[in-house]
Amino acid sequence: MVGTMTTDFDGRQGPPYLIGVDVGTGSARAGVFDTAGALVTMAKCDIDLFREEGAIVEQSANQIWEAVCRAVREAVAASGVRADRIAGIGFDATCSLVVVGPGGRHLPVGPSEDPERNVIVWMDHRAVAQAERINAGGHDVLRYVGGRISPEMETPKLLWLKENRPETFDAAEHFFDLTDYLTWRATGDLARSICTVTCKWTYLAHEARWDGAYFRAIGLGVLADEQFLRIGRKIVEPGTAVGTGLSTESAVALGLRAGTPVAAGLIDAHAGGIGTVGGVPGQGAEDCMAYVFGTSSCTMTTTRDPVFVPGVWGPYYAAMVPGAWLNEGGQSVAGAAIDHLVRFHPASSEAAARATAQGCSLPDWLARQAEAAGAAAEGVARLAEGLHVVPDFLGNRAPHADPHTRAIIAGLGMDTGVDSLVRLYVAGILGLGYGLRQIVEAQRNSGAKVKTIVISGGAGRAPVVRQLLADATGLPVSVPRTQEPVLLGSAMLGGVAGGVFPRIVDAMAAMSGQVGRHEPFAGKDVGWHDARYAIFSKLQHVVLEGARAAAVDAPSPAYR
């Protein structure tokens, strides 16, 4: 039953609505959608981020849940939609690790000793040494994470906990990916999503099993001995109805009806993937790469058969589109890399003041300035002539899979004015574009070919940014109809759980679409970008070699 009238629980007729909930790095958001994919209203509630020395980044699961509840209540109230019209709710979140003790008690995961800080955030790199040790083992499961596991994934973090916080590790009753924590908190059901455990926990979805030999080899044999009780025995596809729906307690907190269907969720970027790749006319999911451009960036490429790409995570079975394989790339910082880059410039404060006066963010203001300056020149990209940025401030997620490498800026002069800041901004966006091109080419060389990049995320909303990415990659960049594709993707999951759509692909077809398309410039611009891309690769190679040499004898920090 797709987008039809439904019989409500009180017997009255009316159209169904769906709720999507997205928990990002800095906020929880909720959106109410109709079954055609139109956003009725959205609400947002900020959440705190706690940082410590040693690349430690933590959050509070209680605060996240409270933010989710507030955002849902506010979104539903503003929409004017009655709670009995909500046919289903879906969740997505960052791939952060949540540690829960007996009775739901939260446990401290770092040196603060604060039990409220029980979430190791996705960007936390405390487990670099553990990841390196795991990678040195050459385990078979690593074939399904691009050959090298990342410290952003959960088994290195679990190993760090066992080695550095053994009292917390031993006392933990559940280890959750944040998405699965939210569905558990909403329903009391311990089901895990195939998406989370396959992409971040080394679950082999294509064989429907955990690899006990891997866990024993890396020092986490206790989890295998327990038959994986604490990390998930019940693994279900995204969109599957979890438990019996919202519990009475969570329904009150969310302002919804008890029993409202709750879907097994997705990682946030993957929700953005299903919210976008089904909407390009004449192309299927296999033709389109989803590019989620926010604080970090993620690329999602769907294939019919498994494709092994060195340095690109996956292939993951059924992690986004059921029945299909997924390769995931991207960078640990993207929008955050641009924010960091422009803060270095002497004119940053002046430009930020101008942006504030005009009611916009500094990156948005710089994008407007770049567009205006480019109109008077040979094009926006040419503003970066002679200036090159490799924006790997937090390592390279793909295709080099190296957390040690760092950024490089080449071609700086003595200019200190706003115009030179705009040039630096453009060079930074092009650097992200060339990094994206590397991922596209690495996948193409392994057999995963895409025809279109479908962009989403707040950092990629400016038309000039989309055009620069199209020019840098040489591929058209499609603009989805919705401005909230991640929320839309989660709402689609709610639609499947609530029986509004029989399958995720049906929800994708009904609720997504395209409103714009940026074609890459042709002619002499192609050669110009090819030359810059070659310089980008050379500069990156120098930094990668230096970082790897420095990492060989570097002592591992002791975090207690």
Protein backbone atom coordinates (compact mmCIF):
# COMPACT_ATOMS: atom_id res chain seq x y z
CA MET A 1 0.00 0.00 0.00
CA VAL A 2 1.90 3.05 -1.24
CA GLY A 3 0.80 6.57 -0.33
CA THR A 4 -2.86 5.58 0.01
CA MET A 5 -5.41 6.39 2.68
CA THR A 6 -5.02 4.34 5.79
CA THR A 7 -7.43 3.31 8.45
CA ASP A 8 -6.36 4.90 11.71
CA PHE A 9 -6.33 3.06 14.99
CA ASP A 10 -9.54 4.79 16.01
CA GLY A 11 -11.18 3.79 12.74
CA ARG A 12 -11.21 7.24 11.13
CA GLN A 13 -9.81 7.77 7.64
CA GLY A 14 -6.85 10.06 6.97
CA PRO A 15 -3.50 10.26 5.21
CA PRO A 16 -0.47 8.81 6.99
CA TYR A 17 2.59 10.80 7.97
CA LEU A 18 6.08 9.61 8.80
CA ILE A 19 8.77 10.83 11.18
CA GLY A 20 12.47 10.75 10.46
CA VAL A 21 14.96 11.36 13.28
CA ASP A 22 18.60 12.19 12.57
CA VAL A 23 21.25 12.42 15.30
CA GLY A 24 24.33 14.14 13.96
CA THR A 25 27.51 15.20 15.68
CA GLY A 26 26.06 18.41 17.10
CA SER A 27 22.30 18.05 17.15
CA ALA A 28 19.24 15.84 17.04
CA ARG A 29 16.67 16.68 14.37
CA ALA A 30 13.20 15.40 13.65
CA GLY A 31 11.11 15.86 10.52
CA VAL A 32 7.49 15.09 9.73
CA PHE A 33 6.96 13.99 6.10
CA ASP A 34 3.99 13.08 3.98
CA THR A 35 4.19 9.92 1.88
CA ALA A 36 5.18 11.88 -1.23
CA GLY A 37 8.38 12.96 0.52
CA ALA A 38 7.38 16.54 1.30
CA LEU A 39 8.75 17.87 4.58
CA VAL A 40 5.89 19.26 6.65
CA THR A 41 8.03 20.63 9.46
CA MET A 42 11.31 20.05 11.24
CA ALA A 43 12.73 20.75 14.71
CA LYS A 44 16.26 20.67 16.05
CA CYS A 45 17.85 20.37 19.48
CA ASP A 46 21.59 20.79 20.06
CA ILE A 47 23.71 18.24 21.90
CA ASP A 48 27.06 18.67 23.62
CA LEU A 49 30.44 17.36 22.55
CA PHE A 50 33.12 16.71 25.17
CA ARG A 51 36.79 16.69 24.15
CA GLU A 52 39.88 15.52 26.02
CA GLU A 53 43.55 15.23 25.13
CA GLY A 54 44.50 12.17 23.16
CA ALA A 55 41.90 12.57 20.40
CA ILE A 56 39.08 11.75 22.85
CA VAL A 57 35.60 12.92 21.86
CA GLU A 58 32.56 11.88 23.93
CA GLN A 59 28.84 12.50 24.31
CA SER A 60 25.99 11.62 26.67
CA ALA A 61 23.42 9.08 25.45
CA ASN A 62 20.89 10.43 27.96
CA GLN A 63 21.28 13.94 26.60
CA ILE A 64 20.98 12.62 23.03
CA TRP A 65 17.74 10.80 23.86
CA GLU A 66 16.32 13.87 25.58
CA ALA A 67 17.22 15.97 22.53
CA VAL A 68 15.52 13.42 20.26
CA CYS A 69 12.35 13.52 22.35
CA ARG A 70 12.26 17.30 22.39
CA ALA A 71 12.84 17.55 18.63
CA VAL A 72 10.08 15.03 17.88
CA ARG A 73 7.59 16.73 20.20
CA GLU A 74 8.32 20.14 18.69
CA ALA A 75 8.18 18.90 15.10
CA VAL A 76 4.86 17.12 15.58
CA ALA A 77 3.36 20.09 17.43
CA ALA A 78 4.45 22.52 14.71
CA SER A 79 3.15 20.25 11.95
CA GLY A 80 -0.39 20.18 13.25
CA VAL A 81 -0.43 16.43 12.53
CA ARG A 82 -2.17 14.36 15.20
CA ALA A 83 -0.10 11.65 16.84
CA ASP A 84 -2.61 9.06 15.62
CA ARG A 85 -1.72 10.00 12.03
CA ILE A 86 1.94 8.99 12.46
CA ALA A 87 2.30 5.65 10.67
CA GLY A 88 5.94 5.02 11.58
CA ILE A 89 9.20 6.50 12.83
CA GLY A 90 12.76 5.83 11.70
CA PHE A 91 16.10 6.72 13.29
CA ASP A 92 19.56 7.36 11.94
CA ALA A 93 22.66 8.49 13.81
CA THR A 94 26.42 8.81 13.65
CA CYS A 95 28.35 5.56 14.03
CA SER A 96 29.28 6.27 17.65
CA LEU A 97 29.75 3.62 20.36
CA VAL A 98 27.32 3.63 23.31
CA VAL A 99 28.17 1.71 26.49
CA VAL A 100 25.31 0.69 28.79
CA GLY A 101 25.50 -1.18 32.10
CA PRO A 102 22.94 -3.33 33.94
CA GLY A 103 19.47 -1.79 34.21
CA GLY A 104 20.29 0.79 31.56
CA ARG A 105 22.92 2.43 33.77
CA HIS A 106 25.45 4.47 31.83
CA LEU A 107 29.17 3.77 32.25
CA PRO A 108 32.12 6.17 31.84
CA VAL A 109 34.26 5.56 28.77
CA GLY A 110 37.12 8.00 29.38
CA PRO A 111 39.32 9.79 31.89
CA SER A 112 36.56 12.13 33.06
CA GLU A 113 35.03 9.20 35.02
CA ASP A 114 31.63 10.78 34.28
CA PRO A 115 29.08 8.00 33.64
CA GLU A 116 26.93 10.43 31.69
CA ARG A 117 29.70 10.55 29.09
CA ASN A 118 29.10 7.02 27.87
CA VAL A 119 29.40 7.59 24.11
CA ILE A 120 32.67 7.35 22.18
CA VAL A 121 31.93 9.59 19.20
CA TRP A 122 32.64 8.40 15.67
CA MET A 123 35.43 10.97 15.18
CA ASP A 124 37.23 9.87 18.36
CA HIS A 125 40.68 8.57 17.34
CA ARG A 126 41.86 7.20 20.69
CA ALA A 127 42.05 3.69 19.20
CA VAL A 128 44.63 4.39 16.46
CA ALA A 129 47.16 2.01 18.02
CA GLN A 130 44.54 -0.74 18.37
CA ALA A 131 43.49 -0.27 14.74
CA GLU A 132 47.10 -0.55 13.59
CA ARG A 133 47.58 -3.78 15.55
CA ILE A 134 44.40 -5.22 14.08
CA ASN A 135 45.47 -4.27 10.57
CA ALA A 136 48.84 -5.94 11.06
CA GLY A 137 47.04 -9.26 11.56
CA GLY A 138 45.76 -9.45 7.99
CA HIS A 139 42.42 -10.91 9.10
CA ASP A 140 40.02 -12.11 6.42
CA VAL A 141 37.20 -9.84 7.62
CA LEU A 142 39.36 -6.82 6.72
CA ARG A 143 38.65 -7.59 3.07
CA TYR A 144 35.20 -6.15 3.77
CA VAL A 145 36.48 -2.82 5.11
CA GLY A 146 38.74 -1.94 2.19
CA GLY A 147 41.70 -3.90 3.58
CA ARG A 148 42.30 -1.71 6.64
CA ILE A 149 40.09 -1.09 9.64
CA SER A 150 39.66 2.48 10.82
CA PRO A 151 39.94 3.80 14.40
CA GLU A 152 36.49 5.27 13.73
CA MET A 153 35.06 1.73 13.70
CA GLU A 154 33.85 -0.13 16.76
CA THR A 155 36.14 -3.14 17.23
CA PRO A 156 39.27 -0.96 17.73
CA LYS A 157 37.28 1.16 20.19
CA LEU A 158 36.05 -1.95 22.03
CA LEU A 159 39.63 -3.19 22.23
CA TRP A 160 40.74 0.19 23.58
CA LEU A 161 38.07 -0.05 26.29
CA LYS A 162 39.13 -3.57 27.23
CA GLU A 163 42.78 -2.53 27.50
CA ASN A 164 42.38 0.92 29.05
CA ARG A 165 39.02 0.83 30.87
CA PRO A 166 38.67 -2.85 31.82
CA GLU A 167 36.22 -2.07 34.64
CA THR A 168 33.87 -0.40 32.16
CA PHE A 169 34.31 -3.13 29.56
CA ASP A 170 33.60 -5.88 32.07
CA ALA A 171 30.59 -4.10 33.62
CA ALA A 172 28.95 -3.31 30.29
CA GLU A 173 25.74 -5.18 29.56
CA HIS A 174 25.32 -3.79 26.05
CA PHE A 175 27.54 -2.17 23.46
CA PHE A 176 25.41 -0.33 20.89
CA ASP A 177 25.98 1.63 17.75
CA LEU A 178 24.13 4.88 18.41
CA THR A 179 21.34 4.12 15.92
CA ASP A 180 20.63 0.79 17.61
CA TYR A 181 20.72 2.44 21.03
CA LEU A 182 17.95 4.78 19.88
CA THR A 183 15.69 1.96 18.65
CA TRP A 184 16.38 0.05 21.89
CA ARG A 185 15.57 3.14 23.93
CA ALA A 186 12.36 3.61 21.93
CA THR A 187 11.16 0.00 22.07
CA GLY A 188 13.21 -2.03 24.55
CA ASP A 189 14.13 -4.41 21.71
CA LEU A 190 17.80 -5.41 21.32
CA ALA A 191 17.68 -5.84 17.53
CA ARG A 192 20.64 -4.42 15.65
CA SER A 193 20.55 -3.07 12.13
CA ILE A 194 22.50 -4.88 9.43
CA CYS A 195 23.75 -1.42 8.43
CA THR A 196 25.47 -0.61 11.71
CA VAL A 197 26.99 -3.97 12.58
CA THR A 198 28.14 -4.69 9.02
CA CYS A 199 29.68 -1.30 8.33
CA LYS A 200 31.27 -0.62 11.71
CA TRP A 201 31.45 -3.88 13.70
CA THR A 202 32.74 -6.44 11.10
CA TYR A 203 29.51 -8.47 10.97
CA LEU A 204 29.47 -10.52 7.75
CA ALA A 205 25.96 -9.81 6.51
CA HIS A 206 26.36 -11.86 3.33
CA GLU A 207 27.01 -14.91 5.53
CA ALA A 208 24.71 -13.80 8.39
CA ARG A 209 27.40 -14.32 11.03
CA TRP A 210 30.05 -12.83 13.25
CA ASP A 211 33.59 -14.15 12.75
CA GLY A 212 34.55 -15.53 16.15
CA ALA A 213 38.10 -16.25 15.03
CA TYR A 214 38.65 -12.57 14.28
CA PHE A 215 37.46 -11.46 17.72
CA ARG A 216 39.66 -14.05 19.43
CA ALA A 217 42.68 -13.10 17.35
CA ILE A 218 42.50 -9.39 18.15
CA GLY A 219 41.95 -9.81 21.90
CA LEU A 220 38.15 -9.62 22.11
CA GLY A 221 37.56 -13.34 22.44
CA VAL A 222 35.27 -12.78 25.44
CA LEU A 223 32.63 -11.38 23.06
CA ALA A 224 32.80 -14.54 20.96
CA ASP A 225 32.68 -16.71 24.08
CA GLU A 226 29.45 -14.94 25.02
CA GLN A 227 28.03 -15.72 21.57
CA PHE A 228 28.08 -11.98 20.85
CA LEU A 229 25.32 -11.31 23.35
CA ARG A 230 26.59 -7.84 24.19
CA ILE A 231 27.01 -6.65 20.59
CA GLY A 232 24.02 -8.26 18.91
CA ARG A 233 22.48 -11.64 18.26
CA LYS A 234 19.34 -10.41 16.52
CA ILE A 235 20.37 -8.67 13.28
CA VAL A 236 17.66 -7.26 11.00
CA GLU A 237 17.43 -5.28 7.77
CA PRO A 238 16.90 -1.51 7.91
CA GLY A 239 13.20 -0.70 7.85
CA THR A 240 12.22 -3.84 9.77
CA ALA A 241 9.63 -3.13 12.44
CA VAL A 242 11.41 -3.42 15.79
CA GLY A 243 9.67 -5.05 18.74
CA THR A 244 6.05 -4.01 19.26
CA GLY A 245 6.66 -0.35 18.46
CA LEU A 246 7.08 2.54 20.87
CA SER A 247 6.95 1.55 24.50
CA THR A 248 4.54 3.42 26.75
CA GLU A 249 7.37 5.30 28.42
CA SER A 250 9.06 6.38 25.20
CA ALA A 251 5.73 7.26 23.58
CA VAL A 252 5.02 9.70 26.41
CA ALA A 253 8.51 11.19 26.08
CA LEU A 254 8.14 11.59 22.32
CA GLY A 255 4.56 12.79 22.37
CA LEU A 256 3.38 9.90 20.19
CA ARG A 257 1.13 6.86 20.55
CA ALA A 258 2.38 3.72 22.27
CA GLY A 259 2.81 1.00 19.66
CA THR A 260 3.71 3.40 16.82
CA PRO A 261 5.91 1.28 14.50
CA VAL A 262 9.65 1.85 14.89
CA ALA A 263 12.06 0.90 12.12
CA ALA A 264 15.50 -0.63 12.43
CA GLY A 265 17.68 2.30 11.48
CA LEU A 266 20.68 3.37 9.46
CA ILE A 267 23.93 5.22 9.96
CA ASP A 268 23.26 8.87 9.13
CA ALA A 269 25.15 8.94 5.84
CA HIS A 270 23.40 5.78 4.70
CA ALA A 271 20.03 7.35 5.44
CA GLY A 272 21.12 10.23 3.22
CA GLY A 273 21.95 7.65 0.58
CA ILE A 274 18.51 6.10 0.40
CA GLY A 275 17.01 9.58 0.62
CA THR A 276 18.77 10.63 -2.59
CA VAL A 277 19.91 7.92 -5.01
CA GLY A 278 16.40 6.84 -6.01
CA GLY A 279 15.44 10.23 -7.39
CA VAL A 280 17.58 10.69 -10.55
CA PRO A 281 15.39 10.26 -13.67
CA GLY A 282 16.45 7.41 -15.92
CA GLN A 283 19.08 6.10 -13.50
CA GLY A 284 19.00 3.50 -10.79
CA ALA A 285 20.78 3.28 -7.47
CA GLU A 286 23.74 1.53 -9.11
CA ASP A 287 24.34 4.53 -11.40
CA CYS A 288 24.46 7.09 -8.60
CA MET A 289 26.99 7.78 -5.90
CA ALA A 290 25.47 9.42 -2.84
CA TYR A 291 27.78 12.14 -1.52
CA VAL A 292 26.80 13.33 1.95
CA PHE A 293 28.74 16.55 2.52
CA GLY A 294 28.49 17.74 6.10
CA THR A 295 30.97 17.97 8.98
CA SER A 296 32.55 14.88 7.45
CA SER A 297 31.80 13.45 4.03
CA CYS A 298 30.59 10.01 3.02
CA THR A 299 30.26 8.40 -0.39
CA MET A 300 27.83 5.54 -0.94
CA THR A 301 28.10 3.40 -4.07
CA THR A 302 25.65 0.57 -4.74
CA THR A 303 26.58 -2.47 -6.82
CA ARG A 304 24.78 -5.65 -7.80
CA ASP A 305 27.81 -7.84 -7.04
CA PRO A 306 30.55 -7.31 -4.41
CA VAL A 307 33.37 -4.99 -5.49
CA PHE A 308 36.58 -4.91 -3.46
CA VAL A 309 38.22 -1.49 -3.54
CA PRO A 310 41.51 -1.02 -1.62
CA GLY A 311 41.10 1.82 0.89
CA VAL A 312 37.31 2.07 0.45
CA TRP A 313 35.12 0.48 3.11
CA GLY A 314 33.06 -2.51 2.09
CA PRO A 315 31.75 -4.25 0.17
CA TYR A 316 28.88 -4.46 2.64
CA TYR A 317 25.86 -6.61 1.86
CA ALA A 318 22.38 -5.10 2.41
CA ALA A 319 23.83 -2.23 4.45
CA MET A 320 21.84 0.43 2.61
CA VAL A 321 19.71 -0.99 -0.21
CA PRO A 322 18.41 -4.50 0.63
CA GLY A 323 19.82 -7.17 -1.66
CA ALA A 324 22.61 -4.93 -2.98
CA TRP A 325 26.24 -4.35 -2.02
CA LEU A 326 27.63 -1.07 -0.79
CA ASN A 327 31.04 0.60 -0.89
CA GLU A 328 31.57 3.52 1.48
CA GLY A 329 34.24 6.18 1.25
CA GLY A 330 34.56 9.82 2.20
CA GLN A 331 36.69 11.88 4.58
CA SER A 332 36.73 12.30 8.35
CA VAL A 333 36.48 16.06 7.95
CA ALA A 334 34.94 17.89 5.00
CA GLY A 335 32.78 20.84 6.00
CA ALA A 336 34.83 20.88 9.20
CA ALA A 337 38.00 20.95 7.08
CA ILE A 338 36.81 24.09 5.30
CA ASP A 339 35.89 25.72 8.63
CA HIS A 340 39.34 24.88 9.99
CA LEU A 341 41.12 26.02 6.83
CA VAL A 342 39.59 29.48 6.64
CA ARG A 343 40.17 30.14 10.35
CA PHE A 344 43.91 30.18 9.65
CA HIS A 345 43.63 33.22 7.40
CA PRO A 346 44.30 36.76 8.78
CA ALA A 347 41.05 38.03 7.23
CA SER A 348 38.90 35.34 8.84
CA SER A 349 37.62 37.55 11.67
CA GLU A 350 36.72 40.40 9.34
CA ALA A 351 34.91 38.06 6.95
CA ALA A 352 33.08 36.34 9.83
CA ALA A 353 31.82 39.73 11.04
CA ARG A 354 30.53 40.54 7.54
CA ALA A 355 28.84 37.15 7.35
CA THR A 356 27.15 37.66 10.71
CA ALA A 357 25.93 41.09 9.62
CA GLN A 358 24.32 39.47 6.59
CA GLY A 359 22.79 36.67 8.64
CA CYS A 360 24.75 33.75 7.19
CA SER A 361 27.63 31.46 8.09
CA LEU A 362 31.18 32.24 7.06
CA PRO A 363 31.37 29.40 4.48
CA ASP A 364 28.07 30.52 2.94
CA TRP A 365 29.31 34.11 2.77
CA LEU A 366 32.57 32.98 1.16
CA ALA A 367 30.62 30.95 -1.40
CA ARG A 368 28.65 34.09 -2.37
CA GLN A 369 31.85 36.12 -2.66
CA ALA A 370 33.45 33.42 -4.78
CA GLU A 371 30.48 33.29 -7.12
CA ALA A 372 30.53 37.07 -7.57
CA ALA A 373 34.29 37.18 -8.11
CA GLY A 374 34.19 34.25 -10.52
CA ALA A 375 31.60 35.95 -12.70
CA ALA A 376 34.10 38.70 -13.37
CA ALA A 377 36.97 36.28 -14.04
CA GLU A 378 37.38 33.12 -16.13
CA GLY A 379 35.30 31.19 -13.64
CA VAL A 380 35.16 30.51 -9.94
CA ALA A 381 37.66 27.67 -10.02
CA ARG A 382 40.30 29.93 -11.61
CA LEU A 383 40.31 32.04 -8.45
CA ALA A 384 42.45 29.27 -6.94
CA GLU A 385 45.14 29.52 -9.63
CA GLY A 386 48.50 28.60 -8.07
CA LEU A 387 46.97 27.72 -4.70
CA HIS A 388 46.56 24.08 -3.68
CA VAL A 389 44.98 22.45 -0.62
CA VAL A 390 45.02 18.82 0.45
CA PRO A 391 42.46 19.02 3.30
CA ASP A 392 43.34 15.81 5.20
CA PHE A 393 43.34 17.52 8.60
CA LEU A 394 42.19 14.34 10.39
CA GLY A 395 43.84 11.76 8.19
CA ASN A 396 42.58 10.22 4.98
CA ARG A 397 39.56 7.93 5.25
CA ALA A 398 39.55 6.90 1.57
CA PRO A 399 41.13 5.76 -0.62
CA HIS A 400 44.40 5.79 1.38
CA ALA A 401 42.87 4.70 4.71
CA ASP A 402 45.60 6.47 6.67
CA PRO A 403 44.64 8.20 9.93
CA HIS A 404 48.17 9.60 10.37
CA THR A 405 48.40 11.84 7.30
CA ARG A 406 47.62 15.53 7.59
CA ALA A 407 46.69 18.52 5.46
CA ILE A 408 48.96 20.59 3.25
CA ILE A 409 48.54 24.08 1.79
CA ALA A 410 50.85 25.11 -1.07
CA GLY A 411 51.16 28.41 -2.90
CA LEU A 412 50.48 30.86 -0.08
CA GLY A 413 51.74 34.42 -0.55
CA MET A 414 51.78 37.50 1.64
CA ASP A 415 48.18 38.54 0.88
CA THR A 416 46.08 39.15 3.99
CA GLY A 417 42.86 40.60 2.56
CA VAL A 418 39.42 39.11 2.15
CA ASP A 419 40.01 38.42 -1.54
CA SER A 420 42.85 36.04 -0.70
CA LEU A 421 40.62 34.35 1.88
CA VAL A 422 38.04 33.74 -0.86
CA ARG A 423 40.78 32.22 -3.02
CA LEU A 424 41.80 29.94 -0.17
CA TYR A 425 38.18 28.87 0.32
CA VAL A 426 37.84 27.97 -3.37
CA ALA A 427 41.12 26.02 -3.26
CA GLY A 428 39.80 24.12 -0.22
CA ILE A 429 36.57 23.14 -1.98
CA LEU A 430 38.55 22.02 -5.02
CA GLY A 431 40.78 19.97 -2.69
CA LEU A 432 37.72 18.16 -1.38
CA GLY A 433 36.59 17.66 -4.99
CA TYR A 434 39.90 16.12 -6.00
CA GLY A 435 39.73 13.84 -2.96
CA LEU A 436 36.27 12.80 -4.12
CA ARG A 437 37.67 12.19 -7.60
CA GLN A 438 40.27 9.83 -6.08
CA ILE A 439 37.50 7.74 -4.55
CA VAL A 440 35.55 7.68 -7.82
CA GLU A 441 38.62 6.57 -9.76
CA ALA A 442 39.64 3.93 -7.19
CA GLN A 443 36.15 2.44 -7.39
CA ARG A 444 36.08 2.64 -11.18
CA ASN A 445 39.40 0.81 -11.40
CA SER A 446 37.90 -2.01 -9.30
CA GLY A 447 34.69 -2.23 -11.32
CA ALA A 448 32.24 0.08 -9.52
CA LYS A 449 31.29 2.72 -12.05
CA VAL A 450 29.02 5.65 -11.32
CA LYS A 451 27.46 8.13 -13.71
CA THR A 452 26.17 10.79 -11.32
CA ILE A 453 27.02 12.17 -7.90
CA VAL A 454 23.94 12.98 -5.81
CA ILE A 455 24.86 15.56 -3.19
CA SER A 456 23.30 16.22 0.18
CA GLY A 457 24.36 17.79 3.45
CA GLY A 458 24.56 21.34 4.70
CA ALA A 459 28.13 21.98 3.51
CA GLY A 460 27.12 21.35 -0.10
CA ARG A 461 24.02 23.51 -0.43
CA ALA A 462 25.61 26.46 -2.24
CA PRO A 463 25.28 26.15 -6.04
CA VAL A 464 28.87 27.32 -6.52
CA VAL A 465 30.11 24.47 -4.29
CA ARG A 466 28.15 21.91 -6.31
CA GLN A 467 29.56 23.29 -9.55
CA LEU A 468 33.13 23.22 -8.25
CA LEU A 469 32.68 19.57 -7.22
CA ALA A 470 31.28 18.70 -10.65
CA ASP A 471 34.25 20.39 -12.34
CA ALA A 472 36.82 18.76 -10.03
CA THR A 473 35.41 15.25 -10.45
CA GLY A 474 34.30 15.47 -14.07
CA LEU A 475 30.90 14.04 -13.16
CA PRO A 476 27.46 15.69 -13.05
CA VAL A 477 26.25 16.59 -9.56
CA SER A 478 22.53 16.05 -9.00
CA VAL A 479 20.54 18.07 -6.45
CA PRO A 480 17.82 16.13 -4.61
CA ARG A 481 14.33 17.56 -4.33
CA THR A 482 14.37 17.53 -0.56
CA GLN A 483 16.70 19.75 1.41
CA GLU A 484 16.70 17.16 4.20
CA PRO A 485 17.64 13.85 2.54
CA VAL A 486 19.00 12.26 5.72
CA LEU A 487 15.75 12.91 7.58
CA LEU A 488 13.85 11.75 4.52
CA GLY A 489 15.79 8.49 4.44
CA SER A 490 14.87 7.78 8.04
CA ALA A 491 11.25 8.67 7.37
CA MET A 492 11.30 6.14 4.51
CA LEU A 493 12.36 3.49 7.01
CA GLY A 494 9.41 4.45 9.21
CA GLY A 495 7.15 4.07 6.19
CA VAL A 496 8.35 0.52 5.59
CA ALA A 497 8.05 -0.43 9.28
CA GLY A 498 4.54 1.05 9.36
CA GLY A 499 3.39 -0.82 6.25
CA VAL A 500 2.94 2.30 4.11
CA PHE A 501 5.52 0.92 1.67
CA PRO A 502 6.31 -2.77 1.16
CA ARG A 503 10.05 -2.24 0.57
CA ILE A 504 12.71 0.45 0.89
CA VAL A 505 13.06 0.68 -2.90
CA ASP A 506 9.34 1.47 -3.14
CA ALA A 507 9.71 4.25 -0.58
CA MET A 508 12.73 5.60 -2.49
CA ALA A 509 10.77 5.71 -5.74
CA ALA A 510 7.75 7.39 -4.15
CA MET A 511 9.40 9.92 -1.87
CA SER A 512 12.57 11.17 -3.59
CA GLY A 513 13.29 13.26 -6.68
CA GLN A 514 15.72 15.66 -8.36
CA VAL A 515 15.39 19.44 -8.73
CA GLY A 516 18.71 20.43 -10.25
CA ARG A 517 21.82 19.17 -11.99
CA HIS A 518 25.29 20.68 -12.37
CA GLU A 519 27.20 19.47 -15.42
CA PRO A 520 31.00 19.66 -15.35
CA PHE A 521 32.57 22.33 -17.54
CA ALA A 522 34.15 21.03 -20.72
CA GLY A 523 36.89 22.29 -23.04
CA LYS A 524 40.09 23.74 -21.63
CA ASP A 525 38.76 23.49 -18.07
CA VAL A 526 39.14 19.71 -18.21
CA GLY A 527 42.88 19.95 -18.81
CA TRP A 528 43.22 22.64 -16.15
CA HIS A 529 41.58 20.42 -13.54
CA ASP A 530 43.60 17.40 -14.68
CA ALA A 531 46.80 19.36 -14.07
CA ARG A 532 45.66 20.50 -10.64
CA TYR A 533 44.58 16.97 -9.77
CA ALA A 534 48.06 15.70 -10.60
CA ILE A 535 49.58 18.35 -8.31
CA PHE A 536 47.08 17.42 -5.57
CA SER A 537 48.12 13.77 -5.81
CA LYS A 538 51.84 14.61 -5.66
CA LEU A 539 51.45 16.85 -2.63
CA GLN A 540 49.32 14.25 -0.89
CA HIS A 541 51.88 11.55 -1.62
CA VAL A 542 54.63 13.59 0.05
CA VAL A 543 52.57 14.06 3.22
CA LEU A 544 51.45 10.42 3.28
CA GLU A 545 55.03 9.22 3.07
CA GLY A 546 56.12 11.59 5.82
CA ALA A 547 53.22 10.60 8.08
CA ARG A 548 53.90 6.89 7.63
CA ALA A 549 57.59 7.33 8.36
CA ALA A 550 56.82 9.34 11.51
CA ALA A 551 54.29 6.76 12.70
CA VAL A 552 56.71 3.84 12.58
CA ASP A 553 58.51 4.60 15.84
CA ALA A 554 55.93 6.87 17.48
CA PRO A 555 54.99 5.69 21.00
CA SER A 556 51.35 4.94 21.66
CA PRO A 557 49.77 7.42 24.11
CA ALA A 558 48.49 5.94 27.35
CA TYR A 559 44.90 6.99 28.01
CA ARG A 560 43.61 6.09 31.45
